[in-house]
Amino acid sequence: LHNRTHSFPTRRSSDLHDIGKIGIDEKIINKKGPLDEDEWRIMKSHSERSHRILKNTFEFPEISPIVLYHHEQWDGSGYPEGLSGEAIPLEARIIAVADAFDAMTNPRPYRPTQPRQEAIRELQTYAGRQFDPGVVDAFMALVHRGLLE
């Protein structure tokens, strides 16, 4: 996680990975209950929308694959392409863990905030399925060293 070759693209990708949500109706984004099938299809399109936006900029085309694949899962059950394991760019695997932790520990319209320890347990539970186990281990090391708030 501290490799300098990944630092800038990962940081910039974490800032911009959801930029594709800009074109999604706020009623869907802020819906309090579960999304229906059509709403879920629209919401899942945000990673591809983000990719298209960023690949067509002068400043950020190199991070477009990272944002495209940030919802891929270690076991191949993610989207948009069903990539698995190391076929998913490392930066996208890092974003997936950080984004999940952020989503669990911050308020969302559709569910209450989870305590940090519960979010940490969930990341550990899904390491090797949803998340890259090495990235989860590195994330946990940062948490235990007090480097993440």
C-alpha atoms as a PDB file:
ATOM      1  CA  LEU A   1       0.000   0.000   0.000  1.00  0.00           C
ATOM      2  CA  HIS A   2       2.933   2.326   0.507  1.00  0.00           C
ATOM      3  CA  ASN A   3       4.591   1.715  -2.847  1.00  0.00           C
ATOM      4  CA  ARG A   4       5.138   5.156  -4.369  1.00  0.00           C
ATOM      5  CA  THR A   5       4.257   3.923  -7.855  1.00  0.00           C
ATOM      6  CA  HIS A   6       0.726   3.305  -6.610  1.00  0.00           C
ATOM      7  CA  SER A   7       0.404   6.340  -4.342  1.00  0.00           C
ATOM      8  CA  PHE A   8      -0.670   9.062  -6.784  1.00  0.00           C
ATOM      9  CA  PRO A   9      -2.990   6.977  -9.001  1.00  0.00           C
ATOM     10  CA  THR A  10      -4.573   5.321  -5.972  1.00  0.00           C
ATOM     11  CA  ARG A  11      -5.128   8.610  -4.160  1.00  0.00           C
ATOM     12  CA  ARG A  12      -6.527  10.319  -7.257  1.00  0.00           C
ATOM     13  CA  SER A  13      -8.678   7.271  -8.045  1.00  0.00           C
ATOM     14  CA  SER A  14     -10.093   7.272  -4.537  1.00  0.00           C
ATOM     15  CA  ASP A  15     -11.090  10.906  -5.032  1.00  0.00           C
ATOM     16  CA  LEU A  16     -12.730  10.309  -8.428  1.00  0.00           C
ATOM     17  CA  HIS A  17     -13.950   6.686  -8.422  1.00  0.00           C
ATOM     18  CA  ASP A  18     -17.620   7.650  -8.056  1.00  0.00           C
ATOM     19  CA  ILE A  19     -17.630  10.620 -10.454  1.00  0.00           C
ATOM     20  CA  GLY A  20     -19.964   8.626 -12.725  1.00  0.00           C
ATOM     21  CA  LYS A  21     -22.722   8.959 -10.121  1.00  0.00           C
ATOM     22  CA  ILE A  22     -23.083  12.560 -11.277  1.00  0.00           C
ATOM     23  CA  GLY A  23     -25.523  11.423 -13.977  1.00  0.00           C
ATOM     24  CA  ILE A  24     -27.609   9.180 -11.711  1.00  0.00           C
ATOM     25  CA  ASP A  25     -30.914  10.456 -10.343  1.00  0.00           C
ATOM     26  CA  GLU A  26     -30.514  11.548  -6.719  1.00  0.00           C
ATOM     27  CA  LYS A  27     -33.710   9.647  -5.842  1.00  0.00           C
ATOM     28  CA  ILE A  28     -31.774   6.451  -6.564  1.00  0.00           C
ATOM     29  CA  ILE A  29     -28.563   7.551  -4.859  1.00  0.00           C
ATOM     30  CA  ASN A  30     -30.386   8.697  -1.698  1.00  0.00           C
ATOM     31  CA  LYS A  31     -33.049   5.989  -1.581  1.00  0.00           C
ATOM     32  CA  LYS A  32     -33.603   4.792   1.977  1.00  0.00           C
ATOM     33  CA  GLY A  33     -34.812   1.293   1.106  1.00  0.00           C
ATOM     34  CA  PRO A  34     -33.387  -1.404  -1.128  1.00  0.00           C
ATOM     35  CA  LEU A  35     -32.962  -0.641  -4.802  1.00  0.00           C
ATOM     36  CA  ASP A  36     -35.202  -2.449  -7.280  1.00  0.00           C
ATOM     37  CA  GLU A  37     -33.659  -4.310 -10.237  1.00  0.00           C
ATOM     38  CA  ASP A  38     -33.712  -1.306 -12.593  1.00  0.00           C
ATOM     39  CA  GLU A  39     -32.336   1.056  -9.941  1.00  0.00           C
ATOM     40  CA  TRP A  40     -29.566  -1.416  -9.108  1.00  0.00           C
ATOM     41  CA  ARG A  41     -28.640  -1.730 -12.818  1.00  0.00           C
ATOM     42  CA  ILE A  42     -28.440   2.066 -13.069  1.00  0.00           C
ATOM     43  CA  MET A  43     -26.379   2.348  -9.876  1.00  0.00           C
ATOM     44  CA  LYS A  44     -23.959  -0.351 -11.030  1.00  0.00           C
ATOM     45  CA  SER A  45     -23.357   1.643 -14.213  1.00  0.00           C
ATOM     46  CA  HIS A  46     -21.494   4.336 -12.271  1.00  0.00           C
ATOM     47  CA  SER A  47     -18.108   2.603 -12.560  1.00  0.00           C
ATOM     48  CA  GLU A  48     -18.411   2.448 -16.357  1.00  0.00           C
ATOM     49  CA  ARG A  49     -19.637   6.063 -16.440  1.00  0.00           C
ATOM     50  CA  SER A  50     -16.682   7.105 -14.278  1.00  0.00           C
ATOM     51  CA  HIS A  51     -14.328   5.250 -16.618  1.00  0.00           C
ATOM     52  CA  ARG A  52     -15.719   7.005 -19.704  1.00  0.00           C
ATOM     53  CA  ILE A  53     -15.506  10.434 -18.086  1.00  0.00           C
ATOM     54  CA  LEU A  54     -11.932   9.990 -16.876  1.00  0.00           C
ATOM     55  CA  LYS A  55     -10.480   8.300 -19.965  1.00  0.00           C
ATOM     56  CA  ASN A  56     -11.585  11.317 -22.003  1.00  0.00           C
ATOM     57  CA  THR A  57      -9.803  13.873 -19.844  1.00  0.00           C
ATOM     58  CA  PHE A  58      -6.333  15.248 -20.423  1.00  0.00           C
ATOM     59  CA  GLU A  59      -5.386  14.837 -16.739  1.00  0.00           C
ATOM     60  CA  PHE A  60      -6.764  11.427 -15.699  1.00  0.00           C
ATOM     61  CA  PRO A  61      -6.904   8.799 -18.471  1.00  0.00           C
ATOM     62  CA  GLU A  62      -4.417   6.552 -16.622  1.00  0.00           C
ATOM     63  CA  ILE A  63      -6.745   6.121 -13.656  1.00  0.00           C
ATOM     64  CA  SER A  64      -9.813   5.236 -15.725  1.00  0.00           C
ATOM     65  CA  PRO A  65      -9.143   1.448 -15.518  1.00  0.00           C
ATOM     66  CA  ILE A  66      -8.813   1.713 -11.732  1.00  0.00           C
ATOM     67  CA  VAL A  67     -12.235   3.306 -11.339  1.00  0.00           C
ATOM     68  CA  LEU A  68     -13.746   0.920 -13.886  1.00  0.00           C
ATOM     69  CA  TYR A  69     -12.747  -2.116 -11.833  1.00  0.00           C
ATOM     70  CA  HIS A  70     -13.225  -0.890  -8.248  1.00  0.00           C
ATOM     71  CA  HIS A  71     -16.345  -3.081  -7.839  1.00  0.00           C
ATOM     72  CA  GLU A  72     -14.710  -6.259  -9.087  1.00  0.00           C
ATOM     73  CA  GLN A  73     -14.388  -8.880  -6.353  1.00  0.00           C
ATOM     74  CA  TRP A  74     -11.510 -11.193  -5.514  1.00  0.00           C
ATOM     75  CA  ASP A  75     -13.666 -14.290  -6.210  1.00  0.00           C
ATOM     76  CA  GLY A  76     -14.880 -12.994  -9.597  1.00  0.00           C
ATOM     77  CA  SER A  77     -18.427 -12.154  -8.503  1.00  0.00           C
ATOM     78  CA  GLY A  78     -18.109  -8.374  -8.964  1.00  0.00           C
ATOM     79  CA  TYR A  79     -18.811  -6.082 -11.877  1.00  0.00           C
ATOM     80  CA  PRO A  80     -18.550  -4.850 -14.613  1.00  0.00           C
ATOM     81  CA  GLU A  81     -16.479  -7.720 -16.081  1.00  0.00           C
ATOM     82  CA  GLY A  82     -16.326 -10.380 -13.365  1.00  0.00           C
ATOM     83  CA  LEU A  83     -12.539 -10.158 -13.016  1.00  0.00           C
ATOM     84  CA  SER A  84     -10.964 -12.119 -10.177  1.00  0.00           C
ATOM     85  CA  GLY A  85      -7.796 -12.163  -8.123  1.00  0.00           C
ATOM     86  CA  GLU A  86      -4.760 -10.433  -9.517  1.00  0.00           C
ATOM     87  CA  ALA A  87      -6.512  -9.761 -12.841  1.00  0.00           C
ATOM     88  CA  ILE A  88      -8.069  -6.815 -10.965  1.00  0.00           C
ATOM     89  CA  PRO A  89      -5.630  -3.874 -10.919  1.00  0.00           C
ATOM     90  CA  LEU A  90      -4.001  -3.528  -7.492  1.00  0.00           C
ATOM     91  CA  GLU A  91      -5.147   0.081  -7.174  1.00  0.00           C
ATOM     92  CA  ALA A  92      -8.766  -1.004  -7.771  1.00  0.00           C
ATOM     93  CA  ARG A  93      -8.398  -3.672  -5.054  1.00  0.00           C
ATOM     94  CA  ILE A  94      -7.100  -1.011  -2.660  1.00  0.00           C
ATOM     95  CA  ILE A  95      -9.982   1.341  -3.510  1.00  0.00           C
ATOM     96  CA  ALA A  96     -12.471  -1.514  -2.939  1.00  0.00           C
ATOM     97  CA  VAL A  97     -11.284  -2.079   0.644  1.00  0.00           C
ATOM     98  CA  ALA A  98     -11.047   1.625   1.516  1.00  0.00           C
ATOM     99  CA  ASP A  99     -14.421   2.386  -0.100  1.00  0.00           C
ATOM    100  CA  ALA A 100     -16.143  -0.479   1.736  1.00  0.00           C
ATOM    101  CA  PHE A 101     -14.706   0.640   5.072  1.00  0.00           C
ATOM    102  CA  ASP A 102     -15.767   4.232   4.372  1.00  0.00           C
ATOM    103  CA  ALA A 103     -19.279   3.132   3.368  1.00  0.00           C
ATOM    104  CA  MET A 104     -19.684   1.046   6.521  1.00  0.00           C
ATOM    105  CA  THR A 105     -18.366   3.659   8.958  1.00  0.00           C
ATOM    106  CA  ASN A 106     -20.099   6.748   7.563  1.00  0.00           C
ATOM    107  CA  PRO A 107     -23.817   7.577   7.386  1.00  0.00           C
ATOM    108  CA  ARG A 108     -25.741   6.312   4.371  1.00  0.00           C
ATOM    109  CA  PRO A 109     -29.442   6.902   3.655  1.00  0.00           C
ATOM    110  CA  TYR A 110     -30.109   3.165   3.370  1.00  0.00           C
ATOM    111  CA  ARG A 111     -28.534   1.934   6.613  1.00  0.00           C
ATOM    112  CA  PRO A 112     -27.104   3.047   9.949  1.00  0.00           C
ATOM    113  CA  THR A 113     -23.396   3.621  10.509  1.00  0.00           C
ATOM    114  CA  GLN A 114     -21.478   0.568  11.736  1.00  0.00           C
ATOM    115  CA  PRO A 115     -18.922   0.817  14.535  1.00  0.00           C
ATOM    116  CA  ARG A 116     -15.297   0.652  13.349  1.00  0.00           C
ATOM    117  CA  GLN A 117     -14.697  -2.755  14.938  1.00  0.00           C
ATOM    118  CA  GLU A 118     -17.722  -4.218  13.167  1.00  0.00           C
ATOM    119  CA  ALA A 119     -16.515  -2.815   9.836  1.00  0.00           C
ATOM    120  CA  ILE A 120     -13.049  -4.273  10.457  1.00  0.00           C
ATOM    121  CA  ARG A 121     -14.587  -7.687  11.218  1.00  0.00           C
ATOM    122  CA  GLU A 122     -16.610  -7.500   7.995  1.00  0.00           C
ATOM    123  CA  LEU A 123     -13.515  -6.729   5.915  1.00  0.00           C
ATOM    124  CA  GLN A 124     -11.735  -9.681   7.517  1.00  0.00           C
ATOM    125  CA  THR A 125     -14.753 -11.953   6.970  1.00  0.00           C
ATOM    126  CA  TYR A 126     -14.877 -11.143   3.260  1.00  0.00           C
ATOM    127  CA  ALA A 127     -11.106 -11.217   2.658  1.00  0.00           C
ATOM    128  CA  GLY A 128     -10.489 -13.868   0.024  1.00  0.00           C
ATOM    129  CA  ARG A 129     -14.039 -13.619  -1.288  1.00  0.00           C
ATOM    130  CA  GLN A 130     -14.944  -9.998  -1.938  1.00  0.00           C
ATOM    131  CA  PHE A 131     -11.587  -8.426  -1.088  1.00  0.00           C
ATOM    132  CA  ASP A 132      -7.930  -9.157  -1.831  1.00  0.00           C
ATOM    133  CA  PRO A 133      -6.699 -10.774   1.415  1.00  0.00           C
ATOM    134  CA  GLY A 134      -3.286  -9.089   1.096  1.00  0.00           C
ATOM    135  CA  VAL A 135      -4.879  -5.661   0.780  1.00  0.00           C
ATOM    136  CA  VAL A 136      -7.115  -6.373   3.792  1.00  0.00           C
ATOM    137  CA  ASP A 137      -4.030  -7.451   5.792  1.00  0.00           C
ATOM    138  CA  ALA A 138      -2.199  -4.247   4.815  1.00  0.00           C
ATOM    139  CA  PHE A 139      -5.288  -2.180   5.699  1.00  0.00           C
ATOM    140  CA  MET A 140      -5.525  -3.917   9.097  1.00  0.00           C
ATOM    141  CA  ALA A 141      -1.844  -3.201   9.771  1.00  0.00           C
ATOM    142  CA  LEU A 142      -2.501   0.495   9.146  1.00  0.00           C
ATOM    143  CA  VAL A 143      -5.560   0.402  11.416  1.00  0.00           C
ATOM    144  CA  HIS A 144      -3.643  -1.367  14.220  1.00  0.00           C
ATOM    145  CA  ARG A 145      -0.741   1.088  13.928  1.00  0.00           C
ATOM    146  CA  GLY A 146      -3.252   3.918  14.330  1.00  0.00           C
ATOM    147  CA  LEU A 147      -2.577   5.345  10.882  1.00  0.00           C
ATOM    148  CA  LEU A 148      -6.235   5.359   9.804  1.00  0.00           C
ATOM    149  CA  GLU A 149      -8.954   7.222  11.622  1.00  0.00           C
END
